[in-house]
Amino acid sequence: MPDPEGRAGQQPAAPPESMNSQRSWPGLDRLGLIQAIGGLLLGLIALFSSYDHVNIAGRNLPLQQQWGILFIAASVATIVVDAELATRTRDRAADKADRAAYEADRDRDRAAESRERQVESLERLHTAAVLSARVQLDPSAINRARLRAFLALINGEFPPETGENGG
């Protein structure tokens, strides 16, 4: 007989919560934080090296210093936004995988419960067959009482009081 305390007897845990609810400021995962810090460092390097010109296709285009600073700030902001979007994408993928694992566990538990019910049904059928055979081979009052009590239990009724010790 299957273990009633086993895995099939337990309810599966609720689906896991999103990783976003556990993150503190700035809301980035490890890779996103590395990306944002790298972008900030590149922005600082550009700020302290040359922010008054841009090299495009081998040509040196001069910029006013105020514009260079704004371009650097905009590029750092773009990198941080990209890191946040990448973090959200990874979080959604992880949440989807967690939900799929939860559904698989729940389906596995349902199948185990179904197997347990089938085993219990087969055990009842076996007991009924044995009791019926006893009554047919030896139609004594004790065997008939045992069969009646068993059928009453299967139907959800209380077995009739017989006063006999039919064990």
C-alpha atoms as a PDB file:
ATOM      1  CA  MET A   1       0.000   0.000   0.000  1.00  0.00           C
ATOM      2  CA  PRO A   2       1.420   3.470  -0.857  1.00  0.00           C
ATOM      3  CA  ASP A   3       2.668   5.697   1.910  1.00  0.00           C
ATOM      4  CA  PRO A   4      -0.173   8.127   2.837  1.00  0.00           C
ATOM      5  CA  GLU A   5       2.387  10.549   4.233  1.00  0.00           C
ATOM      6  CA  GLY A   6       4.324  10.555   0.951  1.00  0.00           C
ATOM      7  CA  ARG A   7       4.738  13.253  -1.652  1.00  0.00           C
ATOM      8  CA  ALA A   8       1.358  12.593  -3.261  1.00  0.00           C
ATOM      9  CA  GLY A   9      -0.407  13.300   0.035  1.00  0.00           C
ATOM     10  CA  GLN A  10       1.042  16.800   0.215  1.00  0.00           C
ATOM     11  CA  GLN A  11      -0.238  19.842  -1.595  1.00  0.00           C
ATOM     12  CA  PRO A  12       2.343  21.445  -3.897  1.00  0.00           C
ATOM     13  CA  ALA A  13       3.708  24.754  -2.745  1.00  0.00           C
ATOM     14  CA  ALA A  14       2.262  27.927  -4.190  1.00  0.00           C
ATOM     15  CA  PRO A  15       3.994  29.293  -7.291  1.00  0.00           C
ATOM     16  CA  PRO A  16       7.124  31.237  -6.368  1.00  0.00           C
ATOM     17  CA  GLU A  17       6.932  34.994  -6.213  1.00  0.00           C
ATOM     18  CA  SER A  18       8.699  37.162  -8.739  1.00  0.00           C
ATOM     19  CA  MET A  19      12.337  38.041  -8.138  1.00  0.00           C
ATOM     20  CA  ASN A  20      11.433  41.705  -8.703  1.00  0.00           C
ATOM     21  CA  SER A  21       9.634  41.861  -5.377  1.00  0.00           C
ATOM     22  CA  GLN A  22      12.834  40.873  -3.550  1.00  0.00           C
ATOM     23  CA  ARG A  23      15.212  43.318  -5.200  1.00  0.00           C
ATOM     24  CA  SER A  24      16.224  46.516  -3.528  1.00  0.00           C
ATOM     25  CA  TRP A  25      17.321  49.664  -5.285  1.00  0.00           C
ATOM     26  CA  PRO A  26      18.404  49.930  -8.138  1.00  0.00           C
ATOM     27  CA  GLY A  27      16.395  46.831  -9.078  1.00  0.00           C
ATOM     28  CA  LEU A  28      19.133  45.218 -11.165  1.00  0.00           C
ATOM     29  CA  ASP A  29      20.371  41.661 -11.008  1.00  0.00           C
ATOM     30  CA  ARG A  30      24.093  40.910 -10.847  1.00  0.00           C
ATOM     31  CA  LEU A  31      24.634  41.059 -14.608  1.00  0.00           C
ATOM     32  CA  GLY A  32      22.607  44.264 -14.904  1.00  0.00           C
ATOM     33  CA  LEU A  33      24.567  45.868 -12.086  1.00  0.00           C
ATOM     34  CA  ILE A  34      27.861  44.906 -13.741  1.00  0.00           C
ATOM     35  CA  GLN A  35      26.605  46.360 -17.026  1.00  0.00           C
ATOM     36  CA  ALA A  36      25.505  49.615 -15.365  1.00  0.00           C
ATOM     37  CA  ILE A  37      28.774  50.003 -13.455  1.00  0.00           C
ATOM     38  CA  GLY A  38      30.752  49.291 -16.633  1.00  0.00           C
ATOM     39  CA  GLY A  39      28.749  51.910 -18.523  1.00  0.00           C
ATOM     40  CA  LEU A  40      29.303  54.440 -15.739  1.00  0.00           C
ATOM     41  CA  LEU A  41      33.046  53.749 -15.766  1.00  0.00           C
ATOM     42  CA  LEU A  42      33.190  54.166 -19.555  1.00  0.00           C
ATOM     43  CA  GLY A  43      31.255  57.417 -19.202  1.00  0.00           C
ATOM     44  CA  LEU A  44      33.716  58.670 -16.580  1.00  0.00           C
ATOM     45  CA  ILE A  45      36.656  57.694 -18.753  1.00  0.00           C
ATOM     46  CA  ALA A  46      35.118  59.587 -21.675  1.00  0.00           C
ATOM     47  CA  LEU A  47      34.382  62.571 -19.429  1.00  0.00           C
ATOM     48  CA  PHE A  48      37.918  62.822 -18.106  1.00  0.00           C
ATOM     49  CA  SER A  49      39.693  62.074 -21.377  1.00  0.00           C
ATOM     50  CA  SER A  50      37.998  63.993 -24.164  1.00  0.00           C
ATOM     51  CA  TYR A  51      34.486  65.309 -24.057  1.00  0.00           C
ATOM     52  CA  ASP A  52      35.034  68.281 -26.331  1.00  0.00           C
ATOM     53  CA  HIS A  53      35.219  66.322 -29.599  1.00  0.00           C
ATOM     54  CA  VAL A  54      33.938  63.177 -31.316  1.00  0.00           C
ATOM     55  CA  ASN A  55      35.794  61.016 -33.834  1.00  0.00           C
ATOM     56  CA  ILE A  56      33.478  59.737 -36.567  1.00  0.00           C
ATOM     57  CA  ALA A  57      34.845  57.935 -39.639  1.00  0.00           C
ATOM     58  CA  GLY A  58      38.312  59.273 -39.010  1.00  0.00           C
ATOM     59  CA  ARG A  59      37.132  62.876 -38.777  1.00  0.00           C
ATOM     60  CA  ASN A  60      37.452  64.926 -35.648  1.00  0.00           C
ATOM     61  CA  LEU A  61      34.270  66.881 -34.916  1.00  0.00           C
ATOM     62  CA  PRO A  62      34.602  69.518 -32.241  1.00  0.00           C
ATOM     63  CA  LEU A  63      31.838  69.859 -29.628  1.00  0.00           C
ATOM     64  CA  GLN A  64      31.133  72.482 -27.070  1.00  0.00           C
ATOM     65  CA  GLN A  65      32.039  71.091 -23.663  1.00  0.00           C
ATOM     66  CA  GLN A  66      28.465  71.389 -22.390  1.00  0.00           C
ATOM     67  CA  TRP A  67      27.178  69.210 -25.242  1.00  0.00           C
ATOM     68  CA  GLY A  68      29.864  66.594 -24.672  1.00  0.00           C
ATOM     69  CA  ILE A  69      28.851  66.254 -21.045  1.00  0.00           C
ATOM     70  CA  LEU A  70      25.177  65.905 -22.018  1.00  0.00           C
ATOM     71  CA  PHE A  71      26.013  63.201 -24.576  1.00  0.00           C
ATOM     72  CA  ILE A  72      28.036  61.271 -22.000  1.00  0.00           C
ATOM     73  CA  ALA A  73      25.224  61.548 -19.426  1.00  0.00           C
ATOM     74  CA  ALA A  74      22.665  60.400 -22.016  1.00  0.00           C
ATOM     75  CA  SER A  75      24.801  57.399 -22.987  1.00  0.00           C
ATOM     76  CA  VAL A  76      25.218  56.379 -19.317  1.00  0.00           C
ATOM     77  CA  ALA A  77      21.454  56.717 -18.782  1.00  0.00           C
ATOM     78  CA  THR A  78      20.838  54.579 -21.874  1.00  0.00           C
ATOM     79  CA  ILE A  79      23.171  51.890 -20.538  1.00  0.00           C
ATOM     80  CA  VAL A  80      21.381  51.865 -17.153  1.00  0.00           C
ATOM     81  CA  VAL A  81      17.979  51.610 -18.844  1.00  0.00           C
ATOM     82  CA  ASP A  82      19.260  48.778 -21.043  1.00  0.00           C
ATOM     83  CA  ALA A  83      20.590  46.975 -17.950  1.00  0.00           C
ATOM     84  CA  GLU A  84      17.194  47.325 -16.262  1.00  0.00           C
ATOM     85  CA  LEU A  85      15.372  45.980 -19.337  1.00  0.00           C
ATOM     86  CA  ALA A  86      17.763  43.030 -19.547  1.00  0.00           C
ATOM     87  CA  THR A  87      17.197  42.322 -15.838  1.00  0.00           C
ATOM     88  CA  ARG A  88      13.432  42.322 -16.314  1.00  0.00           C
ATOM     89  CA  THR A  89      13.753  39.963 -19.278  1.00  0.00           C
ATOM     90  CA  ARG A  90      15.856  37.541 -17.230  1.00  0.00           C
ATOM     91  CA  ASP A  91      13.360  37.807 -14.342  1.00  0.00           C
ATOM     92  CA  ARG A  92      10.426  37.016 -16.648  1.00  0.00           C
ATOM     93  CA  ALA A  93      12.274  33.993 -18.051  1.00  0.00           C
ATOM     94  CA  ALA A  94      13.065  32.754 -14.528  1.00  0.00           C
ATOM     95  CA  ASP A  95       9.445  33.295 -13.423  1.00  0.00           C
ATOM     96  CA  LYS A  96       8.201  31.387 -16.464  1.00  0.00           C
ATOM     97  CA  ALA A  97      10.556  28.491 -15.707  1.00  0.00           C
ATOM     98  CA  ASP A  98       9.441  28.481 -12.049  1.00  0.00           C
ATOM     99  CA  ARG A  99       5.767  28.408 -13.060  1.00  0.00           C
ATOM    100  CA  ALA A 100       6.447  25.540 -15.487  1.00  0.00           C
ATOM    101  CA  ALA A 101       8.233  23.582 -12.738  1.00  0.00           C
ATOM    102  CA  TYR A 102       5.335  24.274 -10.357  1.00  0.00           C
ATOM    103  CA  GLU A 103       2.814  23.032 -12.934  1.00  0.00           C
ATOM    104  CA  ALA A 104       4.905  19.911 -13.562  1.00  0.00           C
ATOM    105  CA  ASP A 105       5.054  19.202  -9.809  1.00  0.00           C
ATOM    106  CA  ARG A 106       1.310  19.703  -9.502  1.00  0.00           C
ATOM    107  CA  ASP A 107       0.634  17.361 -12.444  1.00  0.00           C
ATOM    108  CA  ARG A 108       3.000  14.764 -10.977  1.00  0.00           C
ATOM    109  CA  ASP A 109       1.179  15.001  -7.625  1.00  0.00           C
ATOM    110  CA  ARG A 110      -2.190  14.588  -9.322  1.00  0.00           C
ATOM    111  CA  ALA A 111      -0.945  11.483 -11.137  1.00  0.00           C
ATOM    112  CA  ALA A 112       0.372  10.028  -7.875  1.00  0.00           C
ATOM    113  CA  GLU A 113      -2.975  10.673  -6.162  1.00  0.00           C
ATOM    114  CA  SER A 114      -4.774   9.005  -9.064  1.00  0.00           C
ATOM    115  CA  ARG A 115      -2.504   5.971  -8.769  1.00  0.00           C
ATOM    116  CA  GLU A 116      -3.190   5.820  -5.011  1.00  0.00           C
ATOM    117  CA  ARG A 117      -6.947   5.892  -5.643  1.00  0.00           C
ATOM    118  CA  GLN A 118      -6.588   3.116  -8.219  1.00  0.00           C
ATOM    119  CA  VAL A 119      -4.625   0.983  -5.756  1.00  0.00           C
ATOM    120  CA  GLU A 120      -7.249   1.553  -3.059  1.00  0.00           C
ATOM    121  CA  SER A 121     -10.000   0.632  -5.533  1.00  0.00           C
ATOM    122  CA  LEU A 122      -8.183  -2.551  -6.481  1.00  0.00           C
ATOM    123  CA  GLU A 123      -7.725  -3.417  -2.804  1.00  0.00           C
ATOM    124  CA  ARG A 124     -11.454  -2.940  -2.187  1.00  0.00           C
ATOM    125  CA  LEU A 125     -12.262  -5.024  -5.252  1.00  0.00           C
ATOM    126  CA  HIS A 126      -9.920  -7.756  -4.034  1.00  0.00           C
ATOM    127  CA  THR A 127     -11.498  -7.729  -0.568  1.00  0.00           C
ATOM    128  CA  ALA A 128     -14.997  -7.868  -2.078  1.00  0.00           C
ATOM    129  CA  ALA A 129     -13.999 -10.785  -4.292  1.00  0.00           C
ATOM    130  CA  VAL A 130     -12.533 -12.687  -1.339  1.00  0.00           C
ATOM    131  CA  LEU A 131     -15.599 -12.090   0.848  1.00  0.00           C
ATOM    132  CA  SER A 132     -17.949 -13.006  -1.994  1.00  0.00           C
ATOM    133  CA  ALA A 133     -16.028 -16.214  -2.615  1.00  0.00           C
ATOM    134  CA  ARG A 134     -16.199 -17.084   1.084  1.00  0.00           C
ATOM    135  CA  VAL A 135     -19.977 -16.634   1.059  1.00  0.00           C
ATOM    136  CA  GLN A 136     -20.302 -18.770  -2.064  1.00  0.00           C
ATOM    137  CA  LEU A 137     -18.030 -21.525  -0.742  1.00  0.00           C
ATOM    138  CA  ASP A 138     -19.268 -21.404   2.842  1.00  0.00           C
ATOM    139  CA  PRO A 139     -22.624 -19.577   3.132  1.00  0.00           C
ATOM    140  CA  SER A 140     -22.395 -19.300   6.908  1.00  0.00           C
ATOM    141  CA  ALA A 141     -23.897 -16.424   8.882  1.00  0.00           C
ATOM    142  CA  ILE A 142     -20.456 -15.098   9.808  1.00  0.00           C
ATOM    143  CA  ASN A 143     -19.325 -14.880   6.155  1.00  0.00           C
ATOM    144  CA  ARG A 144     -22.593 -13.216   5.093  1.00  0.00           C
ATOM    145  CA  ALA A 145     -22.272 -10.734   7.971  1.00  0.00           C
ATOM    146  CA  ARG A 146     -18.688  -9.893   6.949  1.00  0.00           C
ATOM    147  CA  LEU A 147     -19.777  -9.322   3.347  1.00  0.00           C
ATOM    148  CA  ARG A 148     -22.744  -7.133   4.441  1.00  0.00           C
ATOM    149  CA  ALA A 149     -20.505  -5.084   6.739  1.00  0.00           C
ATOM    150  CA  PHE A 150     -17.942  -4.606   3.972  1.00  0.00           C
ATOM    151  CA  LEU A 151     -20.580  -3.536   1.441  1.00  0.00           C
ATOM    152  CA  ALA A 152     -22.068  -1.134   3.986  1.00  0.00           C
ATOM    153  CA  LEU A 153     -18.645   0.444   4.557  1.00  0.00           C
ATOM    154  CA  ILE A 154     -18.092   0.839   0.817  1.00  0.00           C
ATOM    155  CA  ASN A 155     -21.483   2.558   0.485  1.00  0.00           C
ATOM    156  CA  GLY A 156     -20.576   4.910   3.335  1.00  0.00           C
ATOM    157  CA  GLU A 157     -23.041   3.380   5.772  1.00  0.00           C
ATOM    158  CA  PHE A 158     -22.458   2.014   9.226  1.00  0.00           C
ATOM    159  CA  PRO A 159     -22.166  -1.760   9.243  1.00  0.00           C
ATOM    160  CA  PRO A 160     -25.200  -3.513  10.738  1.00  0.00           C
ATOM    161  CA  GLU A 161     -24.876  -4.707  14.324  1.00  0.00           C
ATOM    162  CA  THR A 162     -24.718  -8.474  14.233  1.00  0.00           C
ATOM    163  CA  GLY A 163     -23.586  -9.344  17.733  1.00  0.00           C
ATOM    164  CA  GLU A 164     -21.205 -11.897  16.221  1.00  0.00           C
ATOM    165  CA  ASN A 165     -17.468 -11.641  16.401  1.00  0.00           C
ATOM    166  CA  GLY A 166     -16.873 -11.922  12.679  1.00  0.00           C
ATOM    167  CA  GLY A 167     -13.441 -10.190  12.936  1.00  0.00           C
END
